[in-house]
C-alpha atoms as a PDB file:
ATOM      1  CA  UNK A   1      28.015   2.936   8.933  1.00  0.00           C
ATOM      2  CA  UNK A   2      28.556   1.882   4.967  1.00  0.00           C
ATOM      3  CA  UNK A   3      27.429   4.224   2.109  1.00  0.00           C
ATOM      4  CA  UNK A   4      24.624   1.797   1.035  1.00  0.00           C
ATOM      5  CA  UNK A   5      23.354   1.859   4.741  1.00  0.00           C
ATOM      6  CA  UNK A   6      23.676   5.420   5.153  1.00  0.00           C
ATOM      7  CA  UNK A   7      21.471   5.690   1.792  1.00  0.00           C
ATOM      8  CA  UNK A   8      19.045   3.001   2.903  1.00  0.00           C
ATOM      9  CA  UNK A   9      18.456   4.230   6.195  1.00  0.00           C
ATOM     10  CA  UNK A  10      17.934   7.790   4.535  1.00  0.00           C
ATOM     11  CA  UNK A  11      15.218   6.199   2.112  1.00  0.00           C
ATOM     12  CA  UNK A  12      13.762   4.430   5.154  1.00  0.00           C
ATOM     13  CA  UNK A  13      13.133   7.421   7.384  1.00  0.00           C
ATOM     14  CA  UNK A  14      11.813   9.353   3.855  1.00  0.00           C
ATOM     15  CA  UNK A  15       9.256   6.434   3.706  1.00  0.00           C
ATOM     16  CA  UNK A  16       8.224   6.562   7.240  1.00  0.00           C
ATOM     17  CA  UNK A  17       7.677  10.177   7.025  1.00  0.00           C
ATOM     18  CA  UNK A  18       5.501   9.964   3.950  1.00  0.00           C
ATOM     19  CA  UNK A  19       3.820   7.077   5.624  1.00  0.00           C
ATOM     20  CA  UNK A  20       2.942   9.471   8.872  1.00  0.00           C
ATOM     21  CA  UNK A  21       1.857  12.122   6.712  1.00  0.00           C
ATOM     22  CA  UNK A  22      -0.142   9.941   5.036  1.00  0.00           C
ATOM     23  CA  UNK A  23      -1.882   8.486   8.100  1.00  0.00           C
ATOM     24  CA  UNK A  24      -2.194  12.157   9.539  1.00  0.00           C
ATOM     25  CA  UNK A  25      -3.926  13.221   6.604  1.00  0.00           C
ATOM     26  CA  UNK A  26      -6.125  10.553   6.287  1.00  0.00           C
ATOM     27  CA  UNK A  27      -7.180  11.142   9.927  1.00  0.00           C
ATOM     28  CA  UNK A  28      -8.054  14.855   9.070  1.00  0.00           C
ATOM     29  CA  UNK A  29     -10.107  13.922   6.187  1.00  0.00           C
ATOM     30  CA  UNK A  30     -11.983  10.902   8.057  1.00  0.00           C
ATOM     31  CA  UNK A  31     -12.658  13.947  10.689  1.00  0.00           C
ATOM     32  CA  UNK A  32     -13.870  16.272   8.194  1.00  0.00           C
ATOM     33  CA  UNK A  33     -15.972  13.759   6.490  1.00  0.00           C
ATOM     34  CA  UNK A  34     -17.794  12.730   9.842  1.00  0.00           C
ATOM     35  CA  UNK A  35     -18.496  16.368  10.078  1.00  0.00           C
ATOM     36  CA  UNK A  36     -20.148  16.831   7.254  1.00  0.00           C
ATOM     37  CA  UNK A  37     -22.418  13.638   7.588  1.00  0.00           C
ATOM     38  CA  UNK A  38     -23.090  14.685  11.156  1.00  0.00           C
ATOM     39  CA  UNK A  39     -24.001  18.361   9.382  1.00  0.00           C
ATOM     40  CA  UNK A  40     -26.257  16.329   6.649  1.00  0.00           C
ATOM     41  CA  UNK A  41     -27.836  14.459   9.288  1.00  0.00           C
ATOM     42  CA  UNK A  42     -28.536  17.189  11.605  1.00  0.00           C
ATOM     43  CA  UNK A  43     -30.246  18.873   8.512  1.00  0.00           C
ATOM     44  CA  UNK A  44     -32.257  15.786   7.927  1.00  0.00           C
ATOM     45  CA  UNK A  45     -34.142  16.015  11.246  1.00  0.00           C
ATOM     46  CA  UNK A  46     -34.221  19.764  10.927  1.00  0.00           C
ATOM     47  CA  UNK A  47     -36.206  19.263   7.636  1.00  0.00           C
ATOM     48  CA  UNK A  48     -38.490  16.358   9.069  1.00  0.00           C
ATOM     49  CA  UNK A  49     -38.988  18.770  12.044  1.00  0.00           C
ATOM     50  CA  UNK A  50     -40.011  21.527   9.672  1.00  0.00           C
ATOM     51  CA  UNK A  51     -42.225  19.436   7.812  1.00  0.00           C
ATOM     52  CA  UNK A  52     -44.110  18.237  10.922  1.00  0.00           C
ATOM     53  CA  UNK A  53     -44.342  21.689  12.312  1.00  0.00           C
ATOM     54  CA  UNK A  54     -46.188  22.693   9.026  1.00  0.00           C
ATOM     55  CA  UNK A  55     -48.392  19.659   9.117  1.00  0.00           C
ATOM     56  CA  UNK A  56     -49.493  20.549  12.656  1.00  0.00           C
ATOM     57  CA  UNK A  57     -50.140  24.160  11.939  1.00  0.00           C
ATOM     58  CA  UNK A  58     -52.316  23.065   8.621  1.00  0.00           C
ATOM     59  CA  UNK A  59     -54.561  21.064  10.936  1.00  0.00           C
ATOM     60  CA  UNK A  60     -54.794  23.519  13.592  1.00  0.00           C
ATOM     61  CA  UNK A  61     -55.567  26.348  11.264  1.00  0.00           C
ATOM     62  CA  UNK A  62     -58.216  24.693   9.222  1.00  0.00           C
ATOM     63  CA  UNK A  63     -59.834  22.312  11.685  1.00  0.00           C
ATOM     64  CA  UNK A  64     -62.332  24.989  13.047  1.00  0.00           C
ATOM     65  CA  UNK A  65     -62.239  27.229   9.470  1.00  0.00           C
ATOM     66  CA  UNK A  66     -65.965  27.708   9.019  1.00  0.00           C
ATOM     67  CA  UNK A  67     -65.905  30.207  11.688  1.00  0.00           C
ATOM     68  CA  UNK A  68     -63.127  32.275  10.590  1.00  0.00           C
ATOM     69  CA  UNK A  69     -62.898  35.149   8.019  1.00  0.00           C
ATOM     70  CA  UNK A  70     -61.520  35.271   4.465  1.00  0.00           C
ATOM     71  CA  UNK A  71     -58.585  37.354   5.610  1.00  0.00           C
ATOM     72  CA  UNK A  72     -57.575  34.957   8.401  1.00  0.00           C
ATOM     73  CA  UNK A  73     -57.736  32.588   5.929  1.00  0.00           C
ATOM     74  CA  UNK A  74     -55.503  34.042   3.720  1.00  0.00           C
ATOM     75  CA  UNK A  75     -53.139  35.120   6.430  1.00  0.00           C
ATOM     76  CA  UNK A  76     -52.810  31.451   7.754  1.00  0.00           C
ATOM     77  CA  UNK A  77     -52.224  30.099   3.946  1.00  0.00           C
ATOM     78  CA  UNK A  78     -49.708  32.810   3.638  1.00  0.00           C
ATOM     79  CA  UNK A  79     -48.429  31.208   6.887  1.00  0.00           C
ATOM     80  CA  UNK A  80     -48.605  27.932   5.672  1.00  0.00           C
ATOM     81  CA  UNK A  81     -46.979  28.652   2.134  1.00  0.00           C
ATOM     82  CA  UNK A  82     -43.960  30.722   4.118  1.00  0.00           C
ATOM     83  CA  UNK A  83     -43.125  27.273   5.966  1.00  0.00           C
ATOM     84  CA  UNK A  84     -43.106  25.302   2.792  1.00  0.00           C
ATOM     85  CA  UNK A  85     -40.531  27.951   1.183  1.00  0.00           C
ATOM     86  CA  UNK A  86     -38.574  27.444   4.197  1.00  0.00           C
ATOM     87  CA  UNK A  87     -38.663  23.724   3.896  1.00  0.00           C
ATOM     88  CA  UNK A  88     -37.764  23.942   0.221  1.00  0.00           C
ATOM     89  CA  UNK A  89     -34.493  26.386   1.415  1.00  0.00           C
ATOM     90  CA  UNK A  90     -33.684  23.824   3.700  1.00  0.00           C
ATOM     91  CA  UNK A  91     -34.108  21.028   1.162  1.00  0.00           C
ATOM     92  CA  UNK A  92     -31.735  22.906  -1.389  1.00  0.00           C
ATOM     93  CA  UNK A  93     -29.205  23.325   1.741  1.00  0.00           C
ATOM     94  CA  UNK A  94     -29.432  19.566   2.320  1.00  0.00           C
ATOM     95  CA  UNK A  95     -28.895  18.890  -1.109  1.00  0.00           C
ATOM     96  CA  UNK A  96     -25.902  21.193  -1.107  1.00  0.00           C
ATOM     97  CA  UNK A  97     -24.632  19.278   2.018  1.00  0.00           C
ATOM     98  CA  UNK A  98     -25.013  15.860   0.490  1.00  0.00           C
ATOM     99  CA  UNK A  99     -22.823  16.990  -2.143  1.00  0.00           C
ATOM    100  CA  UNK A 100     -20.233  18.187   0.117  1.00  0.00           C
ATOM    101  CA  UNK A 101     -20.570  14.804   1.938  1.00  0.00           C
ATOM    102  CA  UNK A 102     -19.834  13.202  -1.148  1.00  0.00           C
ATOM    103  CA  UNK A 103     -17.057  15.305  -2.064  1.00  0.00           C
ATOM    104  CA  UNK A 104     -15.421  14.782   1.899  1.00  0.00           C
ATOM    105  CA  UNK A 105     -15.741  10.926   1.337  1.00  0.00           C
ATOM    106  CA  UNK A 106     -14.038  11.081  -1.781  1.00  0.00           C
ATOM    107  CA  UNK A 107     -11.053  12.794  -0.479  1.00  0.00           C
ATOM    108  CA  UNK A 108     -11.182  10.275   2.567  1.00  0.00           C
ATOM    109  CA  UNK A 109     -11.203   7.469   0.134  1.00  0.00           C
ATOM    110  CA  UNK A 110      -8.209   8.920  -1.756  1.00  0.00           C
ATOM    111  CA  UNK A 111      -6.584   9.735   1.481  1.00  0.00           C
ATOM    112  CA  UNK A 112      -7.012   6.017   2.448  1.00  0.00           C
ATOM    113  CA  UNK A 113      -5.542   4.920  -0.750  1.00  0.00           C
ATOM    114  CA  UNK A 114      -2.757   6.786  -0.560  1.00  0.00           C
ATOM    115  CA  UNK A 115      -1.947   5.713   3.329  1.00  0.00           C
ATOM    116  CA  UNK A 116      -2.676   2.420   2.467  1.00  0.00           C
ATOM    117  CA  UNK A 117       0.053   2.504  -0.476  1.00  0.00           C
ATOM    118  CA  UNK A 118       2.479   4.514   1.982  1.00  0.00           C
ATOM    119  CA  UNK A 119       2.262   1.587   4.331  1.00  0.00           C
ATOM    120  CA  UNK A 120       2.621  -1.020   2.058  1.00  0.00           C
ATOM    121  CA  UNK A 121       5.813   1.108   0.442  1.00  0.00           C
ATOM    122  CA  UNK A 122       7.213   1.476   4.012  1.00  0.00           C
ATOM    123  CA  UNK A 123       6.494  -2.384   5.094  1.00  0.00           C
ATOM    124  CA  UNK A 124       8.541  -3.273   1.984  1.00  0.00           C
ATOM    125  CA  UNK A 125      11.217  -1.102   2.755  1.00  0.00           C
ATOM    126  CA  UNK A 126      11.294  -2.580   5.843  1.00  0.00           C
ATOM    127  CA  UNK A 127      11.573  -5.899   4.841  1.00  0.00           C
ATOM    128  CA  UNK A 128      14.348  -5.139   2.413  1.00  0.00           C
ATOM    129  CA  UNK A 129      16.186  -3.343   5.336  1.00  0.00           C
ATOM    130  CA  UNK A 130      16.302  -6.534   7.129  1.00  0.00           C
ATOM    131  CA  UNK A 131      17.173  -8.731   4.207  1.00  0.00           C
ATOM    132  CA  UNK A 132      20.222  -6.274   3.495  1.00  0.00           C
ATOM    133  CA  UNK A 133      20.964  -6.156   7.677  1.00  0.00           C
ATOM    134  CA  UNK A 134      20.994  -9.835   7.626  1.00  0.00           C
ATOM    135  CA  UNK A 135      22.923 -10.191   4.373  1.00  0.00           C
ATOM    136  CA  UNK A 136      25.581  -7.356   5.668  1.00  0.00           C
ATOM    137  CA  UNK A 137      25.660  -9.350   8.986  1.00  0.00           C
ATOM    138  CA  UNK A 138      26.655 -12.770   7.407  1.00  0.00           C
ATOM    139  CA  UNK A 139      29.406 -10.947   5.339  1.00  0.00           C
ATOM    140  CA  UNK A 140      30.826  -9.305   8.735  1.00  0.00           C
ATOM    141  CA  UNK A 141      30.700 -12.844  10.093  1.00  0.00           C
ATOM    142  CA  UNK A 142      32.523 -14.505   7.124  1.00  0.00           C
ATOM    143  CA  UNK A 143      35.196 -11.709   7.112  1.00  0.00           C
ATOM    144  CA  UNK A 144      35.542 -11.974  10.958  1.00  0.00           C
ATOM    145  CA  UNK A 145      35.816 -15.740  10.505  1.00  0.00           C
ATOM    146  CA  UNK A 146      38.300 -15.653   7.559  1.00  0.00           C
ATOM    147  CA  UNK A 147      40.441 -13.041  10.000  1.00  0.00           C
ATOM    148  CA  UNK A 148      40.346 -15.242  12.546  1.00  0.00           C
ATOM    149  CA  UNK A 149      41.307 -18.295  10.470  1.00  0.00           C
ATOM    150  CA  UNK A 150      44.357 -15.873   9.032  1.00  0.00           C
ATOM    151  CA  UNK A 151      45.549 -15.182  12.748  1.00  0.00           C
ATOM    152  CA  UNK A 152      45.078 -19.097  13.764  1.00  0.00           C
ATOM    153  CA  UNK A 153      47.167 -19.889  10.877  1.00  0.00           C
ATOM    154  CA  UNK A 154      49.939 -17.473  11.261  1.00  0.00           C
ATOM    155  CA  UNK A 155      50.046 -18.477  14.917  1.00  0.00           C
ATOM    156  CA  UNK A 156      50.343 -21.647  14.045  1.00  0.00           C
ATOM    157  CA  UNK A 157      53.029 -21.202  11.263  1.00  0.00           C
ATOM    158  CA  UNK A 158      54.741 -18.699  14.167  1.00  0.00           C
ATOM    159  CA  UNK A 159      55.152 -21.918  16.542  1.00  0.00           C
ATOM    160  CA  UNK A 160      56.070 -24.034  14.079  1.00  0.00           C
ATOM    161  CA  UNK A 161      58.870 -22.190  12.948  1.00  0.00           C
ATOM    162  CA  UNK A 162      59.798 -22.119  16.246  1.00  0.00           C
ATOM    163  CA  UNK A 163      59.788 -25.549  16.923  1.00  0.00           C
ATOM    164  CA  UNK A 164      61.583 -26.654  13.853  1.00  0.00           C
ATOM    165  CA  UNK A 165      64.180 -23.805  14.554  1.00  0.00           C
ATOM    166  CA  UNK A 166      66.902 -24.968  16.985  1.00  0.00           C
ATOM    167  CA  UNK A 167      69.417 -22.672  18.289  1.00  0.00           C
ATOM    168  CA  UNK A 168      72.917 -22.987  17.197  1.00  0.00           C
ATOM    169  CA  UNK A 169      75.372 -23.836  19.921  1.00  0.00           C
END
């Protein structure tokens, strides 16, 4: 193994490691983003259910309100306000979750960009390595041919010398 091939192999191994790390990091950020997205969808559903529940309470509380005392009406109205307050808290949590999901999406996109660049660098180096290997093989083949030609020429000259050399009698 020549010095150049050693450096090329080392560089190739480093690029391969970078590519694997980038792929792993992308997979992790993708999973984290999908988890944040799933949590956001859960909160959207929760908020929708809270609104439906509040509206149902409102309908049932005030459908027969003529026969109910003022204290009961205030109590029911207080309960409805409490439900609205919980909806507002859930809406704030949903807003914060949406921000987190956007942040994770940015991280995922950045990781995707890094992964694609690492894959591109790896492929370029792989092509370079193939070209270098082909050139090295051609050089070795040429050296082998030159050595074979030199050996053949030496043998031919030795045979000619023997044929021309007449022993003294």
